Amino acid sequence: MFGTFWTPSLLGAALAALLFLWLRRRLDSILAGVLSRWARWVFAGTAFGWALHTFVYPEFEPLLLWLVGLLFWFVLDTTYNYLAIKALSRSGLPLFPRFEESEGQDIWPNEPRFLRLRETLRRHRFERRKTLSATVADGITLRLAVFSNKERTVLLSVYFLPVARKRLTAFIALQSETAEGRRIVTDNISIPFGGFYPESWSVERRPLTRSVETLLTRHLARVDARGDPLAAIEDDPLERLNADQKALEKLNRDLGFLAAPGDTETEETISPAGRYRVWKEAWLLGYFARPLRY
């Protein structure tokens, strides 16, 4: 009976994958991207199972061959991701890039979803403090707009990252600092990191939360739950960010996420253990929209 569903299963999974992929690009939806990957997995597994049943093992149960097809795609997909991470490790691209000031440049995209985001920040009385940028590769520049609330107890950063076909996506990161020096960070970044944060940082990553208002509400709830008084963040955002990048790079080198210089003949920047952590987080984000626990 299962064999009669090869064709509708293939068509259904293919249409679902294309639909969710279109929604991902149209709405910048992480959830649609996750559903697209699951639909693509089902399509590839079904196609491979159908090929095995039709041309190689017609005597086997179609359900068994379908499961084999799903396993085949899992191995293929995760192997590709690991090789991509290994290539990144060998590329020499900066994993903790240094930022510079970009005052005088209007980095805000003239698209409705970004204009709505800017209007939301104005409505909540966030004031822009700095515009920064960092070159991560030839032709790829990460741009960053830094805001703070009136009391300067909440620093809000909007990261603009170019994706395929000159499209942009935006990530939001909120941070506050207690009087004792503990940092509370809440963001919706969906790019795998895999590294380590200082023990004084409490980081919560919520990639499915695309609304800045929902993310802000969650951040303030985490601040209230700690019950510690907040300190105003008065230091220069550029100096603060570059100091954080430098400290994170040192910490991740000390804890073995980054390879020590000269440790390997290939001069890879990420250690084998670090590549595994990035691979694991990439898979969790891709199929479950869940990062590692930091």
C-alpha atoms as a PDB file:
ATOM      1  CA  MET A   1       0.000   0.000   0.000  1.00  0.00           C
ATOM      2  CA  PHE A   2       2.856   2.401   0.829  1.00  0.00           C
ATOM      3  CA  GLY A   3       4.277   2.033  -2.656  1.00  0.00           C
ATOM      4  CA  THR A   4       1.204   3.666  -4.161  1.00  0.00           C
ATOM      5  CA  PHE A   5       2.165   6.882  -2.400  1.00  0.00           C
ATOM      6  CA  TRP A   6       5.641   7.300  -3.934  1.00  0.00           C
ATOM      7  CA  THR A   7       4.491   9.853  -6.525  1.00  0.00           C
ATOM      8  CA  PRO A   8       2.198  11.972  -4.303  1.00  0.00           C
ATOM      9  CA  SER A   9       4.814  11.876  -1.547  1.00  0.00           C
ATOM     10  CA  LEU A  10       7.488  13.160  -3.923  1.00  0.00           C
ATOM     11  CA  LEU A  11       5.270  15.889  -5.320  1.00  0.00           C
ATOM     12  CA  GLY A  12       3.949  16.909  -1.905  1.00  0.00           C
ATOM     13  CA  ALA A  13       7.419  17.141  -0.335  1.00  0.00           C
ATOM     14  CA  ALA A  14       8.818  19.041  -3.338  1.00  0.00           C
ATOM     15  CA  LEU A  15       5.980  21.574  -3.321  1.00  0.00           C
ATOM     16  CA  ALA A  16       6.236  22.003   0.445  1.00  0.00           C
ATOM     17  CA  ALA A  17       9.997  22.580   0.246  1.00  0.00           C
ATOM     18  CA  LEU A  18       9.579  25.198  -2.487  1.00  0.00           C
ATOM     19  CA  LEU A  19       6.715  26.911  -0.662  1.00  0.00           C
ATOM     20  CA  PHE A  20       8.563  27.149   2.642  1.00  0.00           C
ATOM     21  CA  LEU A  21      11.716  28.313   0.870  1.00  0.00           C
ATOM     22  CA  TRP A  22       9.736  31.077  -0.839  1.00  0.00           C
ATOM     23  CA  LEU A  23       8.207  32.096   2.496  1.00  0.00           C
ATOM     24  CA  ARG A  24      11.656  32.089   4.093  1.00  0.00           C
ATOM     25  CA  ARG A  25      12.932  34.573   1.538  1.00  0.00           C
ATOM     26  CA  ARG A  26       9.743  36.594   1.332  1.00  0.00           C
ATOM     27  CA  LEU A  27       9.120  36.966   5.061  1.00  0.00           C
ATOM     28  CA  ASP A  28      12.656  36.435   6.388  1.00  0.00           C
ATOM     29  CA  SER A  29      11.117  33.656   8.497  1.00  0.00           C
ATOM     30  CA  ILE A  30      13.405  31.280  10.369  1.00  0.00           C
ATOM     31  CA  LEU A  31      10.458  28.925  11.002  1.00  0.00           C
ATOM     32  CA  ALA A  32       9.751  28.693   7.264  1.00  0.00           C
ATOM     33  CA  GLY A  33      13.427  27.887   6.703  1.00  0.00           C
ATOM     34  CA  VAL A  34      13.262  25.058   9.259  1.00  0.00           C
ATOM     35  CA  LEU A  35      10.113  23.622   7.673  1.00  0.00           C
ATOM     36  CA  SER A  36      11.744  23.883   4.246  1.00  0.00           C
ATOM     37  CA  ARG A  37      14.700  21.780   5.436  1.00  0.00           C
ATOM     38  CA  TRP A  38      12.379  19.118   6.838  1.00  0.00           C
ATOM     39  CA  ALA A  39      10.372  19.036   3.594  1.00  0.00           C
ATOM     40  CA  ARG A  40      13.613  18.793   1.605  1.00  0.00           C
ATOM     41  CA  TRP A  41      14.725  15.908   3.840  1.00  0.00           C
ATOM     42  CA  VAL A  42      11.444  14.066   3.227  1.00  0.00           C
ATOM     43  CA  PHE A  43      11.680  14.715  -0.515  1.00  0.00           C
ATOM     44  CA  ALA A  44      15.268  13.484  -0.794  1.00  0.00           C
ATOM     45  CA  GLY A  45      14.560  10.426   1.354  1.00  0.00           C
ATOM     46  CA  THR A  46      11.476   9.589  -0.668  1.00  0.00           C
ATOM     47  CA  ALA A  47      13.290  10.054  -3.981  1.00  0.00           C
ATOM     48  CA  PHE A  48      16.156   7.810  -2.913  1.00  0.00           C
ATOM     49  CA  GLY A  49      13.788   5.193  -1.492  1.00  0.00           C
ATOM     50  CA  TRP A  50      11.720   5.221  -4.677  1.00  0.00           C
ATOM     51  CA  ALA A  51      14.873   4.769  -6.811  1.00  0.00           C
ATOM     52  CA  LEU A  52      15.997   1.814  -4.698  1.00  0.00           C
ATOM     53  CA  HIS A  53      12.546   0.213  -4.822  1.00  0.00           C
ATOM     54  CA  THR A  54      12.094   0.750  -8.556  1.00  0.00           C
ATOM     55  CA  PHE A  55      15.535  -0.129  -9.907  1.00  0.00           C
ATOM     56  CA  VAL A  56      17.418  -2.141  -7.285  1.00  0.00           C
ATOM     57  CA  TYR A  57      15.342  -3.812  -4.574  1.00  0.00           C
ATOM     58  CA  PRO A  58      11.719  -4.195  -5.703  1.00  0.00           C
ATOM     59  CA  GLU A  59      11.284  -7.123  -3.282  1.00  0.00           C
ATOM     60  CA  PHE A  60      12.047  -4.975  -0.221  1.00  0.00           C
ATOM     61  CA  GLU A  61       9.363  -3.210   1.783  1.00  0.00           C
ATOM     62  CA  PRO A  62       8.960   0.367   0.508  1.00  0.00           C
ATOM     63  CA  LEU A  63       8.796   1.678   4.076  1.00  0.00           C
ATOM     64  CA  LEU A  64      12.214   0.197   4.856  1.00  0.00           C
ATOM     65  CA  LEU A  65      13.726   1.728   1.723  1.00  0.00           C
ATOM     66  CA  TRP A  66      12.132   5.077   2.561  1.00  0.00           C
ATOM     67  CA  LEU A  67      13.824   5.008   5.969  1.00  0.00           C
ATOM     68  CA  VAL A  68      17.114   4.138   4.274  1.00  0.00           C
ATOM     69  CA  GLY A  69      16.606   7.144   2.006  1.00  0.00           C
ATOM     70  CA  LEU A  70      16.050   9.412   4.998  1.00  0.00           C
ATOM     71  CA  LEU A  71      19.229   8.108   6.624  1.00  0.00           C
ATOM     72  CA  PHE A  72      21.138   8.619   3.354  1.00  0.00           C
ATOM     73  CA  TRP A  73      20.098  12.273   3.213  1.00  0.00           C
ATOM     74  CA  PHE A  74      20.994  12.804   6.873  1.00  0.00           C
ATOM     75  CA  VAL A  75      24.517  11.507   6.242  1.00  0.00           C
ATOM     76  CA  LEU A  76      24.866  13.521   3.030  1.00  0.00           C
ATOM     77  CA  ASP A  77      23.560  16.755   4.520  1.00  0.00           C
ATOM     78  CA  THR A  78      25.561  16.607   7.733  1.00  0.00           C
ATOM     79  CA  THR A  79      28.722  15.620   5.861  1.00  0.00           C
ATOM     80  CA  TYR A  80      28.303  18.630   3.564  1.00  0.00           C
ATOM     81  CA  ASN A  81      27.852  20.915   6.584  1.00  0.00           C
ATOM     82  CA  TYR A  82      30.969  19.541   8.253  1.00  0.00           C
ATOM     83  CA  LEU A  83      33.040  19.998   5.089  1.00  0.00           C
ATOM     84  CA  ALA A  84      31.742  23.580   4.791  1.00  0.00           C
ATOM     85  CA  ILE A  85      32.787  24.284   8.383  1.00  0.00           C
ATOM     86  CA  LYS A  86      36.186  22.736   7.701  1.00  0.00           C
ATOM     87  CA  ALA A  87      36.554  24.954   4.622  1.00  0.00           C
ATOM     88  CA  LEU A  88      35.649  27.994   6.736  1.00  0.00           C
ATOM     89  CA  SER A  89      38.284  26.941   9.257  1.00  0.00           C
ATOM     90  CA  ARG A  90      40.910  26.880   6.507  1.00  0.00           C
ATOM     91  CA  SER A  91      39.769  30.050   4.753  1.00  0.00           C
ATOM     92  CA  GLY A  92      41.478  32.493   7.055  1.00  0.00           C
ATOM     93  CA  LEU A  93      38.300  34.577   7.397  1.00  0.00           C
ATOM     94  CA  PRO A  94      38.137  36.455  10.708  1.00  0.00           C
ATOM     95  CA  LEU A  95      35.841  34.689  13.167  1.00  0.00           C
ATOM     96  CA  PHE A  96      35.941  37.675  15.512  1.00  0.00           C
ATOM     97  CA  PRO A  97      36.231  40.628  13.105  1.00  0.00           C
ATOM     98  CA  ARG A  98      37.199  44.099  14.255  1.00  0.00           C
ATOM     99  CA  PHE A  99      34.672  46.863  13.670  1.00  0.00           C
ATOM    100  CA  GLU A 100      35.167  50.441  12.607  1.00  0.00           C
ATOM    101  CA  GLU A 101      32.962  53.500  12.709  1.00  0.00           C
ATOM    102  CA  SER A 102      30.739  54.212   9.688  1.00  0.00           C
ATOM    103  CA  GLU A 103      29.299  57.577  10.619  1.00  0.00           C
ATOM    104  CA  GLY A 104      27.861  59.509   7.700  1.00  0.00           C
ATOM    105  CA  GLN A 105      26.751  56.328   5.917  1.00  0.00           C
ATOM    106  CA  ASP A 106      23.046  55.481   5.811  1.00  0.00           C
ATOM    107  CA  ILE A 107      23.119  51.720   6.314  1.00  0.00           C
ATOM    108  CA  TRP A 108      19.404  51.328   6.939  1.00  0.00           C
ATOM    109  CA  PRO A 109      17.820  49.365   4.040  1.00  0.00           C
ATOM    110  CA  ASN A 110      14.895  51.025   2.313  1.00  0.00           C
ATOM    111  CA  GLU A 111      12.586  48.029   2.613  1.00  0.00           C
ATOM    112  CA  PRO A 112       9.211  47.919   4.417  1.00  0.00           C
ATOM    113  CA  ARG A 113      10.265  45.327   7.022  1.00  0.00           C
ATOM    114  CA  PHE A 114      13.370  47.307   7.976  1.00  0.00           C
ATOM    115  CA  LEU A 115      11.484  50.598   8.005  1.00  0.00           C
ATOM    116  CA  ARG A 116       8.921  49.019  10.360  1.00  0.00           C
ATOM    117  CA  LEU A 117      11.783  47.903  12.592  1.00  0.00           C
ATOM    118  CA  ARG A 118      13.173  51.427  12.748  1.00  0.00           C
ATOM    119  CA  GLU A 119       9.740  52.810  13.568  1.00  0.00           C
ATOM    120  CA  THR A 120       9.388  50.277  16.398  1.00  0.00           C
ATOM    121  CA  LEU A 121      12.701  51.400  17.874  1.00  0.00           C
ATOM    122  CA  ARG A 122      11.577  55.018  17.715  1.00  0.00           C
ATOM    123  CA  ARG A 123       8.284  54.137  19.380  1.00  0.00           C
ATOM    124  CA  HIS A 124      10.169  52.549  22.267  1.00  0.00           C
ATOM    125  CA  ARG A 125      12.447  55.611  22.417  1.00  0.00           C
ATOM    126  CA  PHE A 126      15.678  53.919  21.490  1.00  0.00           C
ATOM    127  CA  GLU A 127      18.300  56.410  20.378  1.00  0.00           C
ATOM    128  CA  ARG A 128      21.020  55.592  17.863  1.00  0.00           C
ATOM    129  CA  ARG A 129      24.484  55.820  19.348  1.00  0.00           C
ATOM    130  CA  LYS A 130      26.779  54.458  16.659  1.00  0.00           C
ATOM    131  CA  THR A 131      26.949  52.972  13.180  1.00  0.00           C
ATOM    132  CA  LEU A 132      29.664  50.354  12.728  1.00  0.00           C
ATOM    133  CA  SER A 133      30.876  47.950  10.072  1.00  0.00           C
ATOM    134  CA  ALA A 134      33.322  45.081   9.653  1.00  0.00           C
ATOM    135  CA  THR A 135      34.593  43.384   6.521  1.00  0.00           C
ATOM    136  CA  VAL A 136      34.318  39.615   6.924  1.00  0.00           C
ATOM    137  CA  ALA A 137      35.261  38.661   3.334  1.00  0.00           C
ATOM    138  CA  ASP A 138      35.779  40.209  -0.082  1.00  0.00           C
ATOM    139  CA  GLY A 139      32.551  41.994  -0.918  1.00  0.00           C
ATOM    140  CA  ILE A 140      30.850  40.950   2.342  1.00  0.00           C
ATOM    141  CA  THR A 141      30.446  43.639   4.991  1.00  0.00           C
ATOM    142  CA  LEU A 142      28.652  43.220   8.297  1.00  0.00           C
ATOM    143  CA  ARG A 143      26.924  46.466   9.255  1.00  0.00           C
ATOM    144  CA  LEU A 144      25.737  47.284  12.726  1.00  0.00           C
ATOM    145  CA  ALA A 145      23.502  50.018  14.161  1.00  0.00           C
ATOM    146  CA  VAL A 146      23.773  50.450  17.936  1.00  0.00           C
ATOM    147  CA  PHE A 147      20.934  51.961  19.981  1.00  0.00           C
ATOM    148  CA  SER A 148      20.221  52.416  23.676  1.00  0.00           C
ATOM    149  CA  ASN A 149      17.208  53.315  25.761  1.00  0.00           C
ATOM    150  CA  LYS A 150      16.972  56.673  27.487  1.00  0.00           C
ATOM    151  CA  GLU A 151      18.517  55.358  30.713  1.00  0.00           C
ATOM    152  CA  ARG A 152      21.249  53.577  28.729  1.00  0.00           C
ATOM    153  CA  THR A 153      20.614  50.388  30.680  1.00  0.00           C
ATOM    154  CA  VAL A 154      19.677  48.433  27.538  1.00  0.00           C
ATOM    155  CA  LEU A 155      21.982  48.383  24.531  1.00  0.00           C
ATOM    156  CA  LEU A 156      20.248  47.232  21.340  1.00  0.00           C
ATOM    157  CA  SER A 157      22.277  46.251  18.279  1.00  0.00           C
ATOM    158  CA  VAL A 158      20.840  45.613  14.817  1.00  0.00           C
ATOM    159  CA  TYR A 159      23.119  43.474  12.648  1.00  0.00           C
ATOM    160  CA  PHE A 160      22.571  43.711   8.893  1.00  0.00           C
ATOM    161  CA  LEU A 161      24.029  40.701   7.126  1.00  0.00           C
ATOM    162  CA  PRO A 162      23.999  40.173   3.336  1.00  0.00           C
ATOM    163  CA  VAL A 163      22.631  36.857   2.106  1.00  0.00           C
ATOM    164  CA  ALA A 164      22.059  35.351  -1.339  1.00  0.00           C
ATOM    165  CA  ARG A 165      21.248  37.608  -4.282  1.00  0.00           C
ATOM    166  CA  LYS A 166      22.055  40.850  -2.461  1.00  0.00           C
ATOM    167  CA  ARG A 167      19.276  40.365   0.072  1.00  0.00           C
ATOM    168  CA  LEU A 168      19.743  41.428   3.670  1.00  0.00           C
ATOM    169  CA  THR A 169      18.664  39.871   6.895  1.00  0.00           C
ATOM    170  CA  ALA A 170      18.672  41.531  10.300  1.00  0.00           C
ATOM    171  CA  PHE A 171      19.433  40.165  13.748  1.00  0.00           C
ATOM    172  CA  ILE A 172      18.725  41.880  17.055  1.00  0.00           C
ATOM    173  CA  ALA A 173      20.941  41.635  20.138  1.00  0.00           C
ATOM    174  CA  LEU A 174      20.020  43.186  23.490  1.00  0.00           C
ATOM    175  CA  GLN A 175      22.370  43.489  26.416  1.00  0.00           C
ATOM    176  CA  SER A 176      22.324  44.933  29.893  1.00  0.00           C
ATOM    177  CA  GLU A 177      24.953  45.008  32.603  1.00  0.00           C
ATOM    178  CA  THR A 178      24.449  44.742  36.342  1.00  0.00           C
ATOM    179  CA  ALA A 179      26.266  46.888  38.869  1.00  0.00           C
ATOM    180  CA  GLU A 180      28.355  43.811  39.765  1.00  0.00           C
ATOM    181  CA  GLY A 181      29.550  43.470  36.171  1.00  0.00           C
ATOM    182  CA  ARG A 182      27.387  40.550  35.040  1.00  0.00           C
ATOM    183  CA  ARG A 183      26.085  40.833  31.499  1.00  0.00           C
ATOM    184  CA  ILE A 184      22.642  39.732  30.317  1.00  0.00           C
ATOM    185  CA  VAL A 185      22.364  39.104  26.573  1.00  0.00           C
ATOM    186  CA  THR A 186      19.213  38.222  24.621  1.00  0.00           C
ATOM    187  CA  ASP A 187      19.304  37.897  20.831  1.00  0.00           C
ATOM    188  CA  ASN A 188      17.644  36.193  17.870  1.00  0.00           C
ATOM    189  CA  ILE A 189      20.801  35.325  15.930  1.00  0.00           C
ATOM    190  CA  SER A 190      20.368  32.140  13.897  1.00  0.00           C
ATOM    191  CA  ILE A 191      23.993  31.794  12.747  1.00  0.00           C
ATOM    192  CA  PRO A 192      25.849  28.970  14.528  1.00  0.00           C
ATOM    193  CA  PHE A 193      28.585  30.126  16.876  1.00  0.00           C
ATOM    194  CA  GLY A 194      29.582  26.992  18.775  1.00  0.00           C
ATOM    195  CA  GLY A 195      32.130  28.791  20.930  1.00  0.00           C
ATOM    196  CA  PHE A 196      32.183  29.892  24.539  1.00  0.00           C
ATOM    197  CA  TYR A 197      31.114  33.006  26.420  1.00  0.00           C
ATOM    198  CA  PRO A 198      32.587  34.332  29.668  1.00  0.00           C
ATOM    199  CA  GLU A 199      31.052  32.952  32.868  1.00  0.00           C
ATOM    200  CA  SER A 200      29.860  36.456  33.744  1.00  0.00           C
ATOM    201  CA  TRP A 201      27.659  36.498  30.622  1.00  0.00           C
ATOM    202  CA  SER A 202      24.141  35.070  30.629  1.00  0.00           C
ATOM    203  CA  VAL A 203      23.251  34.504  26.974  1.00  0.00           C
ATOM    204  CA  GLU A 204      19.846  33.446  25.677  1.00  0.00           C
ATOM    205  CA  ARG A 205      19.412  32.926  21.930  1.00  0.00           C
ATOM    206  CA  ARG A 206      15.874  32.903  20.494  1.00  0.00           C
ATOM    207  CA  PRO A 207      16.148  32.610  16.683  1.00  0.00           C
ATOM    208  CA  LEU A 208      12.396  32.125  16.190  1.00  0.00           C
ATOM    209  CA  THR A 209      11.589  35.444  17.875  1.00  0.00           C
ATOM    210  CA  ARG A 210      11.626  37.902  14.989  1.00  0.00           C
ATOM    211  CA  SER A 211       9.632  40.655  16.698  1.00  0.00           C
ATOM    212  CA  VAL A 212      11.862  43.220  18.388  1.00  0.00           C
ATOM    213  CA  GLU A 213       9.059  43.981  20.870  1.00  0.00           C
ATOM    214  CA  THR A 214       8.757  40.329  21.910  1.00  0.00           C
ATOM    215  CA  LEU A 215      12.526  40.047  22.209  1.00  0.00           C
ATOM    216  CA  LEU A 216      12.678  43.223  24.297  1.00  0.00           C
ATOM    217  CA  THR A 217       9.912  41.956  26.576  1.00  0.00           C
ATOM    218  CA  ARG A 218      11.796  38.707  27.094  1.00  0.00           C
ATOM    219  CA  HIS A 219      15.041  40.554  27.796  1.00  0.00           C
ATOM    220  CA  LEU A 220      13.425  42.819  30.394  1.00  0.00           C
ATOM    221  CA  ALA A 221      11.793  39.787  32.021  1.00  0.00           C
ATOM    222  CA  ARG A 222      15.223  38.139  32.347  1.00  0.00           C
ATOM    223  CA  VAL A 223      16.614  41.340  33.838  1.00  0.00           C
ATOM    224  CA  ASP A 224      13.751  41.524  36.351  1.00  0.00           C
ATOM    225  CA  ALA A 225      14.167  37.833  37.241  1.00  0.00           C
ATOM    226  CA  ARG A 226      17.771  38.445  38.321  1.00  0.00           C
ATOM    227  CA  GLY A 227      16.719  41.286  40.558  1.00  0.00           C
ATOM    228  CA  ASP A 228      20.120  42.971  40.303  1.00  0.00           C
ATOM    229  CA  PRO A 229      20.360  46.743  39.761  1.00  0.00           C
ATOM    230  CA  LEU A 230      21.544  47.707  36.295  1.00  0.00           C
ATOM    231  CA  ALA A 231      24.441  49.963  35.470  1.00  0.00           C
ATOM    232  CA  ALA A 232      24.258  52.547  32.692  1.00  0.00           C
ATOM    233  CA  ILE A 233      26.329  51.549  29.653  1.00  0.00           C
ATOM    234  CA  GLU A 234      28.203  54.758  28.968  1.00  0.00           C
ATOM    235  CA  ASP A 235      31.330  53.491  27.217  1.00  0.00           C
ATOM    236  CA  ASP A 236      31.804  53.984  23.499  1.00  0.00           C
ATOM    237  CA  PRO A 237      29.980  51.215  21.531  1.00  0.00           C
ATOM    238  CA  LEU A 238      32.891  50.789  19.109  1.00  0.00           C
ATOM    239  CA  GLU A 239      35.468  50.390  21.872  1.00  0.00           C
ATOM    240  CA  ARG A 240      33.142  48.110  23.802  1.00  0.00           C
ATOM    241  CA  LEU A 241      32.424  45.856  20.840  1.00  0.00           C
ATOM    242  CA  ASN A 242      36.049  45.509  19.770  1.00  0.00           C
ATOM    243  CA  ALA A 243      37.077  44.823  23.363  1.00  0.00           C
ATOM    244  CA  ASP A 244      34.409  42.098  23.506  1.00  0.00           C
ATOM    245  CA  GLN A 245      35.639  40.587  20.239  1.00  0.00           C
ATOM    246  CA  LYS A 246      39.209  40.520  21.504  1.00  0.00           C
ATOM    247  CA  ALA A 247      38.181  38.979  24.837  1.00  0.00           C
ATOM    248  CA  LEU A 248      35.994  36.350  23.141  1.00  0.00           C
ATOM    249  CA  GLU A 249      38.791  35.389  20.774  1.00  0.00           C
ATOM    250  CA  LYS A 250      41.229  34.937  23.675  1.00  0.00           C
ATOM    251  CA  LEU A 251      38.710  32.971  25.736  1.00  0.00           C
ATOM    252  CA  ASN A 252      37.872  30.619  22.863  1.00  0.00           C
ATOM    253  CA  ARG A 253      41.543  30.065  22.165  1.00  0.00           C
ATOM    254  CA  ASP A 254      42.219  29.323  25.829  1.00  0.00           C
ATOM    255  CA  LEU A 255      39.277  26.877  26.032  1.00  0.00           C
ATOM    256  CA  GLY A 256      40.271  25.033  22.858  1.00  0.00           C
ATOM    257  CA  PHE A 257      37.543  26.167  20.487  1.00  0.00           C
ATOM    258  CA  LEU A 258      40.135  27.906  18.327  1.00  0.00           C
ATOM    259  CA  ALA A 259      43.278  26.120  17.269  1.00  0.00           C
ATOM    260  CA  ALA A 260      46.538  27.442  18.645  1.00  0.00           C
ATOM    261  CA  PRO A 261      48.676  29.057  15.920  1.00  0.00           C
ATOM    262  CA  GLY A 262      50.936  26.497  14.276  1.00  0.00           C
ATOM    263  CA  ASP A 263      49.188  23.508  15.885  1.00  0.00           C
ATOM    264  CA  THR A 264      48.292  21.913  12.569  1.00  0.00           C
ATOM    265  CA  GLU A 265      49.940  21.714   9.191  1.00  0.00           C
ATOM    266  CA  THR A 266      46.803  23.002   7.531  1.00  0.00           C
ATOM    267  CA  GLU A 267      46.720  26.083   9.790  1.00  0.00           C
ATOM    268  CA  GLU A 268      43.033  25.695  10.529  1.00  0.00           C
ATOM    269  CA  THR A 269      41.586  28.371  12.789  1.00  0.00           C
ATOM    270  CA  ILE A 270      38.981  26.137  14.494  1.00  0.00           C
ATOM    271  CA  SER A 271      40.040  23.063  16.458  1.00  0.00           C
ATOM    272  CA  PRO A 272      38.464  19.624  15.771  1.00  0.00           C
ATOM    273  CA  ALA A 273      36.407  19.945  18.967  1.00  0.00           C
ATOM    274  CA  GLY A 274      35.344  23.432  17.901  1.00  0.00           C
ATOM    275  CA  ARG A 275      34.318  22.241  14.432  1.00  0.00           C
ATOM    276  CA  TYR A 276      32.172  19.556  16.047  1.00  0.00           C
ATOM    277  CA  ARG A 277      30.447  22.168  18.225  1.00  0.00           C
ATOM    278  CA  VAL A 278      29.738  24.387  15.208  1.00  0.00           C
ATOM    279  CA  TRP A 279      28.478  21.374  13.218  1.00  0.00           C
ATOM    280  CA  LYS A 280      26.202  20.341  16.075  1.00  0.00           C
ATOM    281  CA  GLU A 281      24.763  23.825  16.486  1.00  0.00           C
ATOM    282  CA  ALA A 282      24.300  24.248  12.732  1.00  0.00           C
ATOM    283  CA  TRP A 283      22.226  21.052  12.668  1.00  0.00           C
ATOM    284  CA  LEU A 284      20.164  22.043  15.716  1.00  0.00           C
ATOM    285  CA  LEU A 285      19.488  25.502  14.280  1.00  0.00           C
ATOM    286  CA  GLY A 286      18.747  24.181  10.806  1.00  0.00           C
ATOM    287  CA  TYR A 287      16.209  21.541  11.842  1.00  0.00           C
ATOM    288  CA  PHE A 288      14.958  22.674  15.240  1.00  0.00           C
ATOM    289  CA  ALA A 289      15.842  26.397  15.415  1.00  0.00           C
ATOM    290  CA  ARG A 290      17.593  25.658  18.705  1.00  0.00           C
ATOM    291  CA  PRO A 291      21.122  26.811  19.525  1.00  0.00           C
ATOM    292  CA  LEU A 292      23.523  25.205  21.943  1.00  0.00           C
ATOM    293  CA  ARG A 293      22.973  26.020  25.594  1.00  0.00           C
ATOM    294  CA  TYR A 294      25.316  28.851  26.554  1.00  0.00           C
END
